[in-house]
């Protein structure tokens, strides 16, 4: 995961790459470009500007709108998509990346979860 605003927008400085047992995805510039590469194929799926979003600030309206829609529909708080638990997990990943960079070692997320008491 990399990110920087030092050079300004649209320079490809935000990137999240995740590799799993079934493939890899790369999300660039917060929401602008998404590439999925399945492990069992050389083909890749690429998407640009999902949902018509062209910059990070445009992601807020869809998230807030989805949250309001779920609350209006009576979805129980513990089942709302994007819970506080999800936010803590995301922050744990960010902290792991920062700690890994600073310490120049692989940081197990379980170390950080234990510190933050994340289940």
PDB file of N, CA and C in Angstrom:
ATOM      1  N   UNK A   1       0.853  -1.148   0.000  1.00  0.00           N
ATOM      2  CA  UNK A   1       0.000   0.000   0.000  1.00  0.00           C
ATOM      3  C   UNK A   1       0.907   1.221   0.000  1.00  0.00           C
ATOM      4  N   UNK A   2       0.646   2.139  -0.917  1.00  0.00           N
ATOM      5  CA  UNK A   2       1.411   3.381  -0.949  1.00  0.00           C
ATOM      6  C   UNK A   2       0.448   4.548  -1.081  1.00  0.00           C
ATOM      7  N   UNK A   3       0.856   5.668  -0.595  1.00  0.00           N
ATOM      8  CA  UNK A   3       0.036   6.861  -0.737  1.00  0.00           C
ATOM      9  C   UNK A   3       0.826   8.103  -0.416  1.00  0.00           C
ATOM     10  N   UNK A   4       0.586   9.153  -1.194  1.00  0.00           N
ATOM     11  CA  UNK A   4       1.240  10.427  -0.961  1.00  0.00           C
ATOM     12  C   UNK A   4       0.476  11.512  -1.692  1.00  0.00           C
ATOM     13  N   UNK A   5       0.411  12.677  -1.104  1.00  0.00           N
ATOM     14  CA  UNK A   5      -0.196  13.821  -1.772  1.00  0.00           C
ATOM     15  C   UNK A   5       0.865  14.874  -2.080  1.00  0.00           C
ATOM     16  N   UNK A   6       2.127  14.537  -1.913  1.00  0.00           N
ATOM     17  CA  UNK A   6       3.214  15.499  -2.119  1.00  0.00           C
ATOM     18  C   UNK A   6       3.251  16.063  -3.527  1.00  0.00           C
ATOM     19  N   UNK A   7       2.979  15.246  -4.529  1.00  0.00           N
ATOM     20  CA  UNK A   7       3.093  15.688  -5.913  1.00  0.00           C
ATOM     21  C   UNK A   7       1.773  16.189  -6.482  1.00  0.00           C
ATOM     22  N   UNK A   8       0.702  16.100  -5.725  1.00  0.00           N
ATOM     23  CA  UNK A   8      -0.589  16.550  -6.219  1.00  0.00           C
ATOM     24  C   UNK A   8      -1.413  15.401  -6.777  1.00  0.00           C
ATOM     25  N   UNK A   9      -2.651  15.693  -7.176  1.00  0.00           N
ATOM     26  CA  UNK A   9      -3.551  14.641  -7.657  1.00  0.00           C
ATOM     27  C   UNK A   9      -3.154  14.111  -9.034  1.00  0.00           C
ATOM     28  N   UNK A  10      -3.687  12.945  -9.355  1.00  0.00           N
ATOM     29  CA  UNK A  10      -3.555  12.317 -10.675  1.00  0.00           C
ATOM     30  C   UNK A  10      -2.132  11.947 -11.060  1.00  0.00           C
ATOM     31  N   UNK A  11      -1.303  11.638 -10.090  1.00  0.00           N
ATOM     32  CA  UNK A  11       0.052  11.199 -10.385  1.00  0.00           C
ATOM     33  C   UNK A  11       0.278   9.741 -10.035  1.00  0.00           C
ATOM     34  N   UNK A  12      -0.783   9.009  -9.755  1.00  0.00           N
ATOM     35  CA  UNK A  12      -0.642   7.594  -9.465  1.00  0.00           C
ATOM     36  C   UNK A  12       0.044   7.289  -8.150  1.00  0.00           C
ATOM     37  N   UNK A  13      -0.149   8.141  -7.159  1.00  0.00           N
ATOM     38  CA  UNK A  13       0.571   7.970  -5.906  1.00  0.00           C
ATOM     39  C   UNK A  13      -0.204   7.215  -4.843  1.00  0.00           C
ATOM     40  N   UNK A  14      -1.436   6.832  -5.123  1.00  0.00           N
ATOM     41  CA  UNK A  14      -2.200   6.016  -4.183  1.00  0.00           C
ATOM     42  C   UNK A  14      -2.370   4.645  -4.813  1.00  0.00           C
ATOM     43  N   UNK A  15      -1.980   3.634  -4.085  1.00  0.00           N
ATOM     44  CA  UNK A  15      -2.040   2.280  -4.641  1.00  0.00           C
ATOM     45  C   UNK A  15      -2.211   1.273  -3.512  1.00  0.00           C
ATOM     46  N   UNK A  16      -3.135   0.355  -3.708  1.00  0.00           N
ATOM     47  CA  UNK A  16      -3.329  -0.735  -2.769  1.00  0.00           C
ATOM     48  C   UNK A  16      -3.328  -2.025  -3.574  1.00  0.00           C
ATOM     49  N   UNK A  17      -2.440  -2.927  -3.213  1.00  0.00           N
ATOM     50  CA  UNK A  17      -2.328  -4.198  -3.911  1.00  0.00           C
ATOM     51  C   UNK A  17      -2.523  -5.315  -2.895  1.00  0.00           C
ATOM     52  N   UNK A  18      -3.429  -6.220  -3.208  1.00  0.00           N
ATOM     53  CA  UNK A  18      -3.729  -7.326  -2.307  1.00  0.00           C
ATOM     54  C   UNK A  18      -3.631  -8.628  -3.098  1.00  0.00           C
ATOM     55  N   UNK A  19      -2.874  -9.575  -2.553  1.00  0.00           N
ATOM     56  CA  UNK A  19      -2.711 -10.882  -3.181  1.00  0.00           C
ATOM     57  C   UNK A  19      -3.334 -11.924  -2.265  1.00  0.00           C
ATOM     58  N   UNK A  20      -4.162 -12.759  -2.842  1.00  0.00           N
ATOM     59  CA  UNK A  20      -4.806 -13.814  -2.081  1.00  0.00           C
ATOM     60  C   UNK A  20      -4.690 -15.145  -2.793  1.00  0.00           C
ATOM     61  N   UNK A  21      -5.316 -16.149  -2.254  1.00  0.00           N
ATOM     62  CA  UNK A  21      -5.198 -17.493  -2.812  1.00  0.00           C
ATOM     63  C   UNK A  21      -5.889 -17.638  -4.167  1.00  0.00           C
ATOM     64  N   UNK A  22      -6.822 -16.751  -4.488  1.00  0.00           N
ATOM     65  CA  UNK A  22      -7.540 -16.857  -5.765  1.00  0.00           C
ATOM     66  C   UNK A  22      -7.155 -15.782  -6.765  1.00  0.00           C
ATOM     67  N   UNK A  23      -6.299 -14.863  -6.377  1.00  0.00           N
ATOM     68  CA  UNK A  23      -5.885 -13.831  -7.328  1.00  0.00           C
ATOM     69  C   UNK A  23      -5.341 -12.600  -6.639  1.00  0.00           C
ATOM     70  N   UNK A  24      -5.231 -11.551  -7.420  1.00  0.00           N
ATOM     71  CA  UNK A  24      -4.642 -10.299  -6.941  1.00  0.00           C
ATOM     72  C   UNK A  24      -5.476  -9.152  -7.479  1.00  0.00           C
ATOM     73  N   UNK A  25      -5.672  -8.115  -6.636  1.00  0.00           N
ATOM     74  CA  UNK A  25      -6.276  -6.903  -7.169  1.00  0.00           C
ATOM     75  C   UNK A  25      -5.403  -5.720  -6.828  1.00  0.00           C
ATOM     76  N   UNK A  26      -5.459  -4.744  -7.707  1.00  0.00           N
ATOM     77  CA  UNK A  26      -4.719  -3.504  -7.528  1.00  0.00           C
ATOM     78  C   UNK A  26      -5.716  -2.367  -7.684  1.00  0.00           C
ATOM     79  N   UNK A  27      -5.810  -1.540  -6.679  1.00  0.00           N
ATOM     80  CA  UNK A  27      -6.682  -0.362  -6.703  1.00  0.00           C
ATOM     81  C   UNK A  27      -5.773   0.854  -6.728  1.00  0.00           C
ATOM     82  N   UNK A  28      -5.928   1.691  -7.743  1.00  0.00           N
ATOM     83  CA  UNK A  28      -5.054   2.853  -7.889  1.00  0.00           C
ATOM     84  C   UNK A  28      -5.848   4.153  -7.797  1.00  0.00           C
ATOM     85  N   UNK A  29      -5.210   5.118  -7.211  1.00  0.00           N
ATOM     86  CA  UNK A  29      -5.777   6.464  -7.070  1.00  0.00           C
ATOM     87  C   UNK A  29      -7.153   6.448  -6.418  1.00  0.00           C
ATOM     88  N   UNK A  30      -7.233   5.759  -5.291  1.00  0.00           N
ATOM     89  CA  UNK A  30      -8.407   5.689  -4.417  1.00  0.00           C
ATOM     90  C   UNK A  30      -9.592   4.982  -5.039  1.00  0.00           C
ATOM     91  N   UNK A  31      -9.962   5.326  -6.253  1.00  0.00           N
ATOM     92  CA  UNK A  31     -11.149   4.696  -6.843  1.00  0.00           C
ATOM     93  C   UNK A  31     -11.107   4.716  -8.359  1.00  0.00           C
ATOM     94  N   UNK A  32     -10.039   5.226  -8.930  1.00  0.00           N
ATOM     95  CA  UNK A  32     -10.044   5.447 -10.372  1.00  0.00           C
ATOM     96  C   UNK A  32      -9.812   4.187 -11.204  1.00  0.00           C
ATOM     97  N   UNK A  33      -8.929   3.313 -10.773  1.00  0.00           N
ATOM     98  CA  UNK A  33      -8.581   2.147 -11.585  1.00  0.00           C
ATOM     99  C   UNK A  33      -8.510   0.896 -10.711  1.00  0.00           C
ATOM    100  N   UNK A  34      -9.147  -0.164 -11.171  1.00  0.00           N
ATOM    101  CA  UNK A  34      -9.144  -1.431 -10.458  1.00  0.00           C
ATOM    102  C   UNK A  34      -8.796  -2.535 -11.450  1.00  0.00           C
ATOM    103  N   UNK A  35      -7.808  -3.348 -11.090  1.00  0.00           N
ATOM    104  CA  UNK A  35      -7.425  -4.488 -11.920  1.00  0.00           C
ATOM    105  C   UNK A  35      -7.465  -5.743 -11.067  1.00  0.00           C
ATOM    106  N   UNK A  36      -8.145  -6.765 -11.583  1.00  0.00           N
ATOM    107  CA  UNK A  36      -8.191  -8.059 -10.906  1.00  0.00           C
ATOM    108  C   UNK A  36      -7.531  -9.082 -11.806  1.00  0.00           C
ATOM    109  N   UNK A  37      -6.589  -9.822 -11.257  1.00  0.00           N
ATOM    110  CA  UNK A  37      -5.881 -10.882 -11.981  1.00  0.00           C
ATOM    111  C   UNK A  37      -6.108 -12.197 -11.256  1.00  0.00           C
ATOM    112  N   UNK A  38      -6.937 -13.089 -11.825  1.00  0.00           N
ATOM    113  CA  UNK A  38      -7.146 -14.387 -11.175  1.00  0.00           C
ATOM    114  C   UNK A  38      -5.873 -15.221 -11.204  1.00  0.00           C
ATOM    115  N   UNK A  39      -5.646 -15.985 -10.169  1.00  0.00           N
ATOM    116  CA  UNK A  39      -4.429 -16.789 -10.067  1.00  0.00           C
ATOM    117  C   UNK A  39      -4.336 -17.843 -11.171  1.00  0.00           C
ATOM    118  N   UNK A  40      -5.464 -18.363 -11.611  1.00  0.00           N
ATOM    119  CA  UNK A  40      -5.450 -19.467 -12.568  1.00  0.00           C
ATOM    120  C   UNK A  40      -5.585 -19.034 -14.031  1.00  0.00           C
ATOM    121  N   UNK A  41      -5.284 -17.768 -14.329  1.00  0.00           N
ATOM    122  CA  UNK A  41      -5.433 -17.273 -15.693  1.00  0.00           C
ATOM    123  C   UNK A  41      -4.455 -16.125 -15.937  1.00  0.00           C
ATOM    124  N   UNK A  42      -4.090 -15.942 -17.221  1.00  0.00           N
ATOM    125  CA  UNK A  42      -3.245 -14.784 -17.543  1.00  0.00           C
ATOM    126  C   UNK A  42      -4.105 -13.574 -17.882  1.00  0.00           C
ATOM    127  N   UNK A  43      -5.409 -13.778 -17.983  1.00  0.00           N
ATOM    128  CA  UNK A  43      -6.329 -12.687 -18.278  1.00  0.00           C
ATOM    129  C   UNK A  43      -6.507 -11.817 -17.031  1.00  0.00           C
ATOM    130  N   UNK A  44      -6.748 -10.558 -17.262  1.00  0.00           N
ATOM    131  CA  UNK A  44      -7.005  -9.632 -16.163  1.00  0.00           C
ATOM    132  C   UNK A  44      -8.262  -8.833 -16.477  1.00  0.00           C
ATOM    133  N   UNK A  45      -9.004  -8.498 -15.431  1.00  0.00           N
ATOM    134  CA  UNK A  45     -10.175  -7.635 -15.585  1.00  0.00           C
ATOM    135  C   UNK A  45      -9.762  -6.251 -15.111  1.00  0.00           C
ATOM    136  N   UNK A  46     -10.027  -5.244 -15.925  1.00  0.00           N
ATOM    137  CA  UNK A  46      -9.659  -3.878 -15.564  1.00  0.00           C
ATOM    138  C   UNK A  46     -10.889  -2.988 -15.649  1.00  0.00           C
ATOM    139  N   UNK A  47     -11.058  -2.159 -14.651  1.00  0.00           N
ATOM    140  CA  UNK A  47     -12.186  -1.233 -14.590  1.00  0.00           C
ATOM    141  C   UNK A  47     -11.646   0.166 -14.328  1.00  0.00           C
ATOM    142  N   UNK A  48     -12.264   1.135 -14.948  1.00  0.00           N
ATOM    143  CA  UNK A  48     -11.877   2.522 -14.738  1.00  0.00           C
ATOM    144  C   UNK A  48     -13.094   3.313 -14.265  1.00  0.00           C
ATOM    145  N   UNK A  49     -12.895   4.108 -13.264  1.00  0.00           N
ATOM    146  CA  UNK A  49     -13.915   5.028 -12.752  1.00  0.00           C
ATOM    147  C   UNK A  49     -15.213   4.303 -12.409  1.00  0.00           C
ATOM    148  N   UNK A  50     -15.113   3.277 -11.556  1.00  0.00           N
ATOM    149  CA  UNK A  50     -16.290   2.523 -11.121  1.00  0.00           C
ATOM    150  C   UNK A  50     -17.315   3.473 -10.522  1.00  0.00           C
ATOM    151  N   UNK A  51     -18.541   3.316 -10.898  1.00  0.00           N
ATOM    152  CA  UNK A  51     -19.607   4.165 -10.381  1.00  0.00           C
ATOM    153  C   UNK A  51     -19.503   5.604 -10.852  1.00  0.00           C
ATOM    154  N   UNK A  52     -18.660   5.852 -11.845  1.00  0.00           N
ATOM    155  CA  UNK A  52     -18.509   7.207 -12.361  1.00  0.00           C
ATOM    156  C   UNK A  52     -17.638   8.109 -11.505  1.00  0.00           C
ATOM    157  N   UNK A  53     -17.028   7.552 -10.465  1.00  0.00           N
ATOM    158  CA  UNK A  53     -16.191   8.372  -9.579  1.00  0.00           C
ATOM    159  C   UNK A  53     -14.828   8.599 -10.222  1.00  0.00           C
ATOM    160  N   UNK A  54     -14.393   9.860 -10.214  1.00  0.00           N
ATOM    161  CA  UNK A  54     -13.122  10.208 -10.835  1.00  0.00           C
ATOM    162  C   UNK A  54     -12.082  10.689  -9.827  1.00  0.00           C
ATOM    163  N   UNK A  55     -12.483  10.871  -8.569  1.00  0.00           N
ATOM    164  CA  UNK A  55     -11.512  11.291  -7.558  1.00  0.00           C
ATOM    165  C   UNK A  55     -12.006  10.893  -6.173  1.00  0.00           C
ATOM    166  N   UNK A  56     -11.075  10.896  -5.219  1.00  0.00           N
ATOM    167  CA  UNK A  56     -11.351  10.395  -3.870  1.00  0.00           C
ATOM    168  C   UNK A  56     -12.551  11.078  -3.224  1.00  0.00           C
ATOM    169  N   UNK A  57     -12.665  12.398  -3.370  1.00  0.00           N
ATOM    170  CA  UNK A  57     -13.755  13.109  -2.696  1.00  0.00           C
ATOM    171  C   UNK A  57     -15.129  12.624  -3.160  1.00  0.00           C
ATOM    172  N   UNK A  58     -15.205  12.048  -4.347  1.00  0.00           N
ATOM    173  CA  UNK A  58     -16.480  11.548  -4.856  1.00  0.00           C
ATOM    174  C   UNK A  58     -16.900  10.231  -4.198  1.00  0.00           C
ATOM    175  N   UNK A  59     -16.025   9.604  -3.443  1.00  0.00           N
ATOM    176  CA  UNK A  59     -16.388   8.354  -2.770  1.00  0.00           C
ATOM    177  C   UNK A  59     -17.292   8.606  -1.561  1.00  0.00           C
ATOM    178  N   UNK A  60     -17.220   9.809  -0.987  1.00  0.00           N
ATOM    179  CA  UNK A  60     -17.968  10.084   0.238  1.00  0.00           C
ATOM    180  C   UNK A  60     -19.476  10.039   0.036  1.00  0.00           C
ATOM    181  N   UNK A  61     -19.954  10.624  -1.058  1.00  0.00           N
ATOM    182  CA  UNK A  61     -21.402  10.664  -1.291  1.00  0.00           C
ATOM    183  C   UNK A  61     -21.987   9.262  -1.381  1.00  0.00           C
ATOM    184  N   UNK A  62     -21.305   8.356  -2.066  1.00  0.00           N
ATOM    185  CA  UNK A  62     -21.844   7.003  -2.194  1.00  0.00           C
ATOM    186  C   UNK A  62     -21.822   6.274  -0.858  1.00  0.00           C
ATOM    187  N   UNK A  63     -20.769   6.449  -0.059  1.00  0.00           N
ATOM    188  CA  UNK A  63     -20.699   5.775   1.242  1.00  0.00           C
ATOM    189  C   UNK A  63     -21.746   6.339   2.187  1.00  0.00           C
ATOM    190  N   UNK A  64     -21.849   7.651   2.247  1.00  0.00           N
ATOM    191  CA  UNK A  64     -22.831   8.270   3.146  1.00  0.00           C
ATOM    192  C   UNK A  64     -24.237   7.920   2.683  1.00  0.00           C
ATOM    193  N   UNK A  65     -24.459   7.930   1.366  1.00  0.00           N
ATOM    194  CA  UNK A  65     -25.774   7.573   0.829  1.00  0.00           C
ATOM    195  C   UNK A  65     -26.153   6.144   1.166  1.00  0.00           C
ATOM    196  N   UNK A  66     -25.202   5.220   1.033  1.00  0.00           N
ATOM    197  CA  UNK A  66     -25.469   3.817   1.355  1.00  0.00           C
ATOM    198  C   UNK A  66     -25.788   3.664   2.841  1.00  0.00           C
ATOM    199  N   UNK A  67     -25.072   4.375   3.687  1.00  0.00           N
ATOM    200  CA  UNK A  67     -25.296   4.324   5.132  1.00  0.00           C
ATOM    201  C   UNK A  67     -26.699   4.836   5.475  1.00  0.00           C
ATOM    202  N   UNK A  68     -27.068   5.973   4.904  1.00  0.00           N
ATOM    203  CA  UNK A  68     -28.395   6.536   5.164  1.00  0.00           C
ATOM    204  C   UNK A  68     -29.483   5.595   4.650  1.00  0.00           C
ATOM    205  N   UNK A  69     -29.285   5.022   3.456  1.00  0.00           N
ATOM    206  CA  UNK A  69     -30.271   4.079   2.910  1.00  0.00           C
ATOM    207  C   UNK A  69     -30.464   2.892   3.839  1.00  0.00           C
ATOM    208  N   UNK A  70     -29.372   2.360   4.377  1.00  0.00           N
ATOM    209  CA  UNK A  70     -29.491   1.206   5.273  1.00  0.00           C
ATOM    210  C   UNK A  70     -30.195   1.590   6.572  1.00  0.00           C
ATOM    211  N   UNK A  71     -29.851   2.743   7.124  1.00  0.00           N
ATOM    212  CA  UNK A  71     -30.520   3.167   8.362  1.00  0.00           C
ATOM    213  C   UNK A  71     -32.000   3.427   8.106  1.00  0.00           C
ATOM    214  N   UNK A  72     -32.332   4.049   6.981  1.00  0.00           N
ATOM    215  CA  UNK A  72     -33.733   4.322   6.637  1.00  0.00           C
ATOM    216  C   UNK A  72     -34.519   3.029   6.440  1.00  0.00           C
ATOM    217  N   UNK A  73     -33.842   1.996   5.943  1.00  0.00           N
ATOM    218  CA  UNK A  73     -34.495   0.703   5.715  1.00  0.00           C
ATOM    219  C   UNK A  73     -34.628  -0.107   6.999  1.00  0.00           C
ATOM    220  N   UNK A  74     -34.090   0.415   8.116  1.00  0.00           N
ATOM    221  CA  UNK A  74     -34.218  -0.284   9.383  1.00  0.00           C
ATOM    222  C   UNK A  74     -33.204  -1.383   9.608  1.00  0.00           C
ATOM    223  N   UNK A  75     -32.117  -1.361   8.851  1.00  0.00           N
ATOM    224  CA  UNK A  75     -31.071  -2.370   9.054  1.00  0.00           C
ATOM    225  C   UNK A  75     -30.521  -2.194  10.473  1.00  0.00           C
ATOM    226  N   UNK A  76     -30.452  -3.265  11.257  1.00  0.00           N
ATOM    227  CA  UNK A  76     -29.911  -3.151  12.617  1.00  0.00           C
ATOM    228  C   UNK A  76     -28.481  -2.596  12.588  1.00  0.00           C
ATOM    229  N   UNK A  77     -28.145  -1.784  13.561  1.00  0.00           N
ATOM    230  CA  UNK A  77     -26.838  -1.120  13.589  1.00  0.00           C
ATOM    231  C   UNK A  77     -25.673  -2.092  13.457  1.00  0.00           C
ATOM    232  N   UNK A  78     -25.788  -3.263  14.054  1.00  0.00           N
ATOM    233  CA  UNK A  78     -24.678  -4.212  13.992  1.00  0.00           C
ATOM    234  C   UNK A  78     -24.590  -4.930  12.641  1.00  0.00           C
ATOM    235  N   UNK A  79     -25.517  -4.648  11.731  1.00  0.00           N
ATOM    236  CA  UNK A  79     -25.479  -5.252  10.400  1.00  0.00           C
ATOM    237  C   UNK A  79     -25.265  -4.227   9.284  1.00  0.00           C
ATOM    238  N   UNK A  80     -25.093  -2.978   9.661  1.00  0.00           N
ATOM    239  CA  UNK A  80     -24.860  -1.929   8.668  1.00  0.00           C
ATOM    240  C   UNK A  80     -23.507  -2.161   8.005  1.00  0.00           C
ATOM    241  N   UNK A  81     -23.489  -2.085   6.682  1.00  0.00           N
ATOM    242  CA  UNK A  81     -22.248  -2.241   5.916  1.00  0.00           C
ATOM    243  C   UNK A  81     -21.318  -1.079   6.252  1.00  0.00           C
ATOM    244  N   UNK A  82     -20.101  -1.397   6.634  1.00  0.00           N
ATOM    245  CA  UNK A  82     -19.159  -0.338   6.985  1.00  0.00           C
ATOM    246  C   UNK A  82     -19.216  -0.010   8.468  1.00  0.00           C
ATOM    247  N   UNK A  83     -19.226  -1.016   9.285  1.00  0.00           N
ATOM    248  CA  UNK A  83     -19.331  -0.825  10.730  1.00  0.00           C
ATOM    249  C   UNK A  83     -18.060  -0.223  11.319  1.00  0.00           C
ATOM    250  N   UNK A  84     -18.129   0.157  12.559  1.00  0.00           N
ATOM    251  CA  UNK A  84     -16.942   0.611  13.277  1.00  0.00           C
ATOM    252  C   UNK A  84     -15.878  -0.469  13.322  1.00  0.00           C
ATOM    253  N   UNK A  85     -16.303  -1.721  13.411  1.00  0.00           N
ATOM    254  CA  UNK A  85     -15.360  -2.834  13.393  1.00  0.00           C
ATOM    255  C   UNK A  85     -14.596  -2.862  12.073  1.00  0.00           C
ATOM    256  N   UNK A  86     -15.313  -2.634  10.975  1.00  0.00           N
ATOM    257  CA  UNK A  86     -14.655  -2.580   9.661  1.00  0.00           C
ATOM    258  C   UNK A  86     -13.630  -1.450   9.628  1.00  0.00           C
ATOM    259  N   UNK A  87     -13.993  -0.317  10.195  1.00  0.00           N
ATOM    260  CA  UNK A  87     -13.076   0.823  10.226  1.00  0.00           C
ATOM    261  C   UNK A  87     -11.830   0.500  11.049  1.00  0.00           C
ATOM    262  N   UNK A  88     -12.003  -0.180  12.173  1.00  0.00           N
ATOM    263  CA  UNK A  88     -10.854  -0.568  12.989  1.00  0.00           C
ATOM    264  C   UNK A  88      -9.952  -1.549  12.249  1.00  0.00           C
ATOM    265  N   UNK A  89     -10.543  -2.476  11.523  1.00  0.00           N
ATOM    266  CA  UNK A  89      -9.751  -3.426  10.739  1.00  0.00           C
ATOM    267  C   UNK A  89      -8.950  -2.703   9.658  1.00  0.00           C
ATOM    268  N   UNK A  90      -9.605  -1.756   8.975  1.00  0.00           N
ATOM    269  CA  UNK A  90      -8.897  -0.982   7.945  1.00  0.00           C
ATOM    270  C   UNK A  90      -7.756  -0.191   8.563  1.00  0.00           C
ATOM    271  N   UNK A  91      -7.998   0.420   9.710  1.00  0.00           N
ATOM    272  CA  UNK A  91      -6.952   1.194  10.385  1.00  0.00           C
ATOM    273  C   UNK A  91      -5.810   0.291  10.822  1.00  0.00           C
ATOM    274  N   UNK A  92      -6.133  -0.926  11.228  1.00  0.00           N
ATOM    275  CA  UNK A  92      -5.107  -1.890  11.621  1.00  0.00           C
ATOM    276  C   UNK A  92      -4.186  -2.193  10.439  1.00  0.00           C
ATOM    277  N   UNK A  93      -4.757  -2.339   9.249  1.00  0.00           N
ATOM    278  CA  UNK A  93      -3.950  -2.600   8.057  1.00  0.00           C
ATOM    279  C   UNK A  93      -3.053  -1.402   7.751  1.00  0.00           C
ATOM    280  N   UNK A  94      -3.610  -0.215   7.857  1.00  0.00           N
ATOM    281  CA  UNK A  94      -2.821   1.008   7.615  1.00  0.00           C
ATOM    282  C   UNK A  94      -1.678   1.103   8.620  1.00  0.00           C
ATOM    283  N   UNK A  95      -1.978   0.881   9.895  1.00  0.00           N
ATOM    284  CA  UNK A  95      -0.942   0.933  10.931  1.00  0.00           C
ATOM    285  C   UNK A  95       0.129  -0.126  10.696  1.00  0.00           C
ATOM    286  N   UNK A  96      -0.299  -1.313  10.226  1.00  0.00           N
ATOM    287  CA  UNK A  96       0.661  -2.368   9.919  1.00  0.00           C
ATOM    288  C   UNK A  96       1.614  -1.957   8.815  1.00  0.00           C
ATOM    289  N   UNK A  97       1.077  -1.317   7.783  1.00  0.00           N
ATOM    290  CA  UNK A  97       1.920  -0.850   6.679  1.00  0.00           C
ATOM    291  C   UNK A  97       2.918   0.201   7.166  1.00  0.00           C
ATOM    292  N   UNK A  98       2.457   1.115   7.994  1.00  0.00           N
ATOM    293  CA  UNK A  98       3.340   2.163   8.528  1.00  0.00           C
ATOM    294  C   UNK A  98       4.424   1.551   9.408  1.00  0.00           C
ATOM    295  N   UNK A  99       4.026   0.658  10.312  1.00  0.00           N
ATOM    296  CA  UNK A  99       4.985   0.018  11.214  1.00  0.00           C
ATOM    297  C   UNK A  99       5.999  -0.812  10.436  1.00  0.00           C
ATOM    298  N   UNK A 100       5.526  -1.511   9.406  1.00  0.00           N
ATOM    299  CA  UNK A 100       6.414  -2.316   8.577  1.00  0.00           C
ATOM    300  C   UNK A 100       7.464  -1.436   7.898  1.00  0.00           C
ATOM    301  N   UNK A 101       7.017  -0.311   7.386  1.00  0.00           N
ATOM    302  CA  UNK A 101       7.936   0.639   6.729  1.00  0.00           C
ATOM    303  C   UNK A 101       8.964   1.171   7.720  1.00  0.00           C
ATOM    304  N   UNK A 102       8.481   1.608   8.868  1.00  0.00           N
ATOM    305  CA  UNK A 102       9.381   2.199   9.864  1.00  0.00           C
ATOM    306  C   UNK A 102      10.381   1.191  10.420  1.00  0.00           C
ATOM    307  N   UNK A 103       9.921  -0.025  10.681  1.00  0.00           N
ATOM    308  CA  UNK A 103      10.773  -1.023  11.329  1.00  0.00           C
ATOM    309  C   UNK A 103      11.530  -1.897  10.321  1.00  0.00           C
ATOM    310  N   UNK A 104      11.200  -1.743   9.041  1.00  0.00           N
ATOM    311  CA  UNK A 104      11.830  -2.535   7.980  1.00  0.00           C
ATOM    312  C   UNK A 104      11.698  -4.037   8.234  1.00  0.00           C
ATOM    313  N   UNK A 105      10.499  -4.429   8.670  1.00  0.00           N
ATOM    314  CA  UNK A 105      10.224  -5.842   8.908  1.00  0.00           C
ATOM    315  C   UNK A 105       8.766  -6.129   8.574  1.00  0.00           C
ATOM    316  N   UNK A 106       8.468  -7.400   8.438  1.00  0.00           N
ATOM    317  CA  UNK A 106       7.083  -7.807   8.215  1.00  0.00           C
ATOM    318  C   UNK A 106       6.349  -7.715   9.547  1.00  0.00           C
ATOM    319  N   UNK A 107       5.228  -7.042   9.534  1.00  0.00           N
ATOM    320  CA  UNK A 107       4.433  -6.881  10.746  1.00  0.00           C
ATOM    321  C   UNK A 107       3.185  -7.740  10.617  1.00  0.00           C
ATOM    322  N   UNK A 108       2.998  -8.635  11.549  1.00  0.00           N
ATOM    323  CA  UNK A 108       1.804  -9.468  11.578  1.00  0.00           C
ATOM    324  C   UNK A 108       0.639  -8.627  12.105  1.00  0.00           C
ATOM    325  N   UNK A 109      -0.470  -8.649  11.405  1.00  0.00           N
ATOM    326  CA  UNK A 109      -1.609  -7.850  11.838  1.00  0.00           C
ATOM    327  C   UNK A 109      -2.130  -8.294  13.194  1.00  0.00           C
ATOM    328  N   UNK A 110      -1.907  -9.544  13.548  1.00  0.00           N
ATOM    329  CA  UNK A 110      -2.351 -10.020  14.858  1.00  0.00           C
ATOM    330  C   UNK A 110      -1.667  -9.237  15.986  1.00  0.00           C
ATOM    331  N   UNK A 111      -0.408  -8.806  15.769  1.00  0.00           N
ATOM    332  CA  UNK A 111       0.289  -7.975  16.771  1.00  0.00           C
ATOM    333  C   UNK A 111      -0.493  -6.690  17.028  1.00  0.00           C
ATOM    334  N   UNK A 112      -0.929  -6.062  15.952  1.00  0.00           N
ATOM    335  CA  UNK A 112      -1.635  -4.793  16.072  1.00  0.00           C
ATOM    336  C   UNK A 112      -3.045  -4.985  16.600  1.00  0.00           C
ATOM    337  N   UNK A 113      -3.691  -6.080  16.200  1.00  0.00           N
ATOM    338  CA  UNK A 113      -5.032  -6.354  16.711  1.00  0.00           C
ATOM    339  C   UNK A 113      -5.003  -6.539  18.228  1.00  0.00           C
ATOM    340  N   UNK A 114      -3.976  -7.255  18.705  1.00  0.00           N
ATOM    341  CA  UNK A 114      -3.857  -7.470  20.143  1.00  0.00           C
ATOM    342  C   UNK A 114      -3.662  -6.141  20.876  1.00  0.00           C
ATOM    343  N   UNK A 115      -2.838  -5.261  20.330  1.00  0.00           N
ATOM    344  CA  UNK A 115      -2.607  -3.947  20.939  1.00  0.00           C
ATOM    345  C   UNK A 115      -3.897  -3.136  21.005  1.00  0.00           C
ATOM    346  N   UNK A 116      -4.683  -3.196  19.909  1.00  0.00           N
ATOM    347  CA  UNK A 116      -5.895  -2.383  19.823  1.00  0.00           C
ATOM    348  C   UNK A 116      -7.129  -3.107  20.357  1.00  0.00           C
ATOM    349  N   UNK A 117      -6.945  -4.344  20.778  1.00  0.00           N
ATOM    350  CA  UNK A 117      -8.055  -5.177  21.266  1.00  0.00           C
ATOM    351  C   UNK A 117      -9.134  -5.340  20.214  1.00  0.00           C
ATOM    352  N   UNK A 118      -8.704  -5.524  18.948  1.00  0.00           N
ATOM    353  CA  UNK A 118      -9.637  -5.775  17.856  1.00  0.00           C
ATOM    354  C   UNK A 118      -9.861  -7.273  17.785  1.00  0.00           C
ATOM    355  N   UNK A 119     -11.121  -7.666  17.745  1.00  0.00           N
ATOM    356  CA  UNK A 119     -11.442  -9.080  17.671  1.00  0.00           C
ATOM    357  C   UNK A 119     -11.398  -9.604  16.274  1.00  0.00           C
TER     358      UNK A 119
END
